[in-house]
Amino acid sequence: MKVDHWQAEDGPLTEQALKERLQRLGYSVTRYVYPAGTYFPDHTHEVEKIDAVVSGQFRIAMGDDAAILRAGDCVHVPSGVTHSAEVIGDEPVVSLDAVRVR
């Protein structure tokens, strides 16, 4: 699992800037807010997607790999790959859920 991080040369990290980057890559983007304690057990999606974090901490696990995503972090989730996710800490997670446009 490869986590992409927002870089200083990308400019200031804002929700809009992150959304626009995902759209330029060919994704349709939906914003979600997950409260503390949110947990998504193992599941799959029929579409390729990217999970991006605007704020908070979001732990994602795929197979033997796991990472904690923070503001500006993105991870590619291939279609059909089993993964789980959970909010870490007391702060809600603002997430951009990006689905590949066909």
Protein backbone atom coordinates (compact mmCIF):
# COMPACT_ATOMS: atom_id res chain seq x y z
CA MET A 1 0.00 0.00 0.00
CA LYS A 2 1.46 3.33 -1.05
CA VAL A 3 0.44 6.52 0.77
CA ASP A 4 0.80 9.76 -1.17
CA HIS A 5 1.49 12.84 0.94
CA TRP A 6 0.66 16.45 0.16
CA GLN A 7 3.93 18.27 -0.57
CA ALA A 8 4.87 21.90 0.09
CA GLU A 9 5.36 22.41 -3.65
CA ASP A 10 1.68 21.47 -4.12
CA GLY A 11 0.78 24.76 -2.41
CA PRO A 12 -1.34 25.26 0.69
CA LEU A 13 -3.36 22.19 1.68
CA THR A 14 -7.06 22.98 1.53
CA GLU A 15 -10.04 20.74 1.06
CA GLN A 16 -10.75 22.39 -2.29
CA ALA A 17 -7.16 21.94 -3.52
CA LEU A 18 -7.18 18.24 -2.57
CA LYS A 19 -10.57 17.75 -4.23
CA GLU A 20 -9.39 19.44 -7.43
CA ARG A 21 -6.26 17.25 -7.53
CA LEU A 22 -8.39 14.10 -7.30
CA GLN A 23 -10.75 15.38 -9.99
CA ARG A 24 -7.82 16.11 -12.32
CA LEU A 25 -6.75 12.48 -11.86
CA GLY A 26 -10.15 11.35 -13.17
CA TYR A 27 -12.11 10.77 -9.97
CA SER A 28 -15.57 11.82 -8.80
CA VAL A 29 -15.23 13.13 -5.22
CA THR A 30 -17.64 12.93 -2.28
CA ARG A 31 -16.96 14.49 1.14
CA TYR A 32 -17.65 12.53 4.32
CA VAL A 33 -17.23 13.33 8.02
CA TYR A 34 -16.68 10.30 10.25
CA PRO A 35 -17.02 10.81 14.03
CA ALA A 36 -14.59 9.37 16.55
CA GLY A 37 -15.14 5.65 16.99
CA THR A 38 -16.18 5.02 13.38
CA TYR A 39 -14.99 1.62 12.18
CA PHE A 40 -15.43 -0.05 8.79
CA PRO A 41 -14.70 -3.80 9.03
CA ASP A 42 -13.18 -5.75 6.14
CA HIS A 43 -14.99 -4.96 2.91
CA THR A 44 -14.40 -4.46 -0.82
CA HIS A 45 -15.61 -2.07 -3.50
CA GLU A 46 -16.52 -2.87 -7.10
CA VAL A 47 -14.78 0.33 -8.23
CA GLU A 48 -11.26 1.73 -8.01
CA LYS A 49 -11.04 4.54 -5.48
CA ILE A 50 -8.80 6.82 -3.47
CA ASP A 51 -9.33 7.68 0.19
CA ALA A 52 -7.98 11.14 1.03
CA VAL A 53 -7.89 12.81 4.44
CA VAL A 54 -8.56 16.53 4.93
CA SER A 55 -8.33 16.42 8.75
CA GLY A 56 -8.16 13.89 11.56
CA GLN A 57 -6.48 10.48 11.54
CA PHE A 58 -7.81 7.52 9.56
CA ARG A 59 -6.20 4.09 9.84
CA ILE A 60 -6.57 1.92 6.76
CA ALA A 61 -5.47 -1.69 6.45
CA MET A 62 -5.13 -3.83 3.31
CA GLY A 63 -3.82 -7.35 3.73
CA ASP A 64 -0.73 -7.26 5.95
CA ASP A 65 -0.24 -3.52 5.33
CA ALA A 66 -1.66 -0.68 7.44
CA ALA A 67 -1.14 3.09 7.58
CA ILE A 68 -2.51 6.03 9.49
CA LEU A 69 -3.59 8.75 7.06
CA ARG A 70 -3.39 12.36 8.20
CA ALA A 71 -4.24 15.69 6.54
CA GLY A 72 -3.16 15.62 2.90
CA ASP A 73 -2.60 11.85 2.75
CA CYS A 74 -4.17 9.71 0.04
CA VAL A 75 -4.21 5.96 -0.54
CA HIS A 76 -5.28 4.05 -3.64
CA VAL A 77 -7.79 1.26 -3.03
CA PRO A 78 -8.03 -1.06 -6.05
CA SER A 79 -11.42 -2.59 -6.87
CA GLY A 80 -12.00 -5.94 -5.21
CA VAL A 81 -9.25 -5.51 -2.58
CA THR A 82 -10.31 -6.32 0.99
CA HIS A 83 -9.60 -3.47 3.39
CA SER A 84 -10.76 -1.96 6.67
CA ALA A 85 -10.65 1.55 8.11
CA GLU A 86 -11.16 3.33 11.41
CA VAL A 87 -11.01 6.80 12.90
CA ILE A 88 -8.07 7.12 15.30
CA GLY A 89 -8.34 9.44 18.29
CA ASP A 90 -11.09 11.80 19.42
CA GLU A 91 -11.16 14.11 16.39
CA PRO A 92 -13.59 13.38 13.55
CA VAL A 93 -12.13 12.60 10.14
CA VAL A 94 -13.02 14.72 7.14
CA SER A 95 -12.47 12.42 4.17
CA LEU A 96 -12.69 12.77 0.42
CA ASP A 97 -13.90 9.54 -1.15
CA ALA A 98 -12.79 9.52 -4.77
CA VAL A 99 -14.23 7.01 -7.24
CA ARG A 100 -12.68 6.47 -10.67
CA VAL A 101 -14.92 7.94 -13.38
CA ARG A 102 -15.48 5.41 -16.15
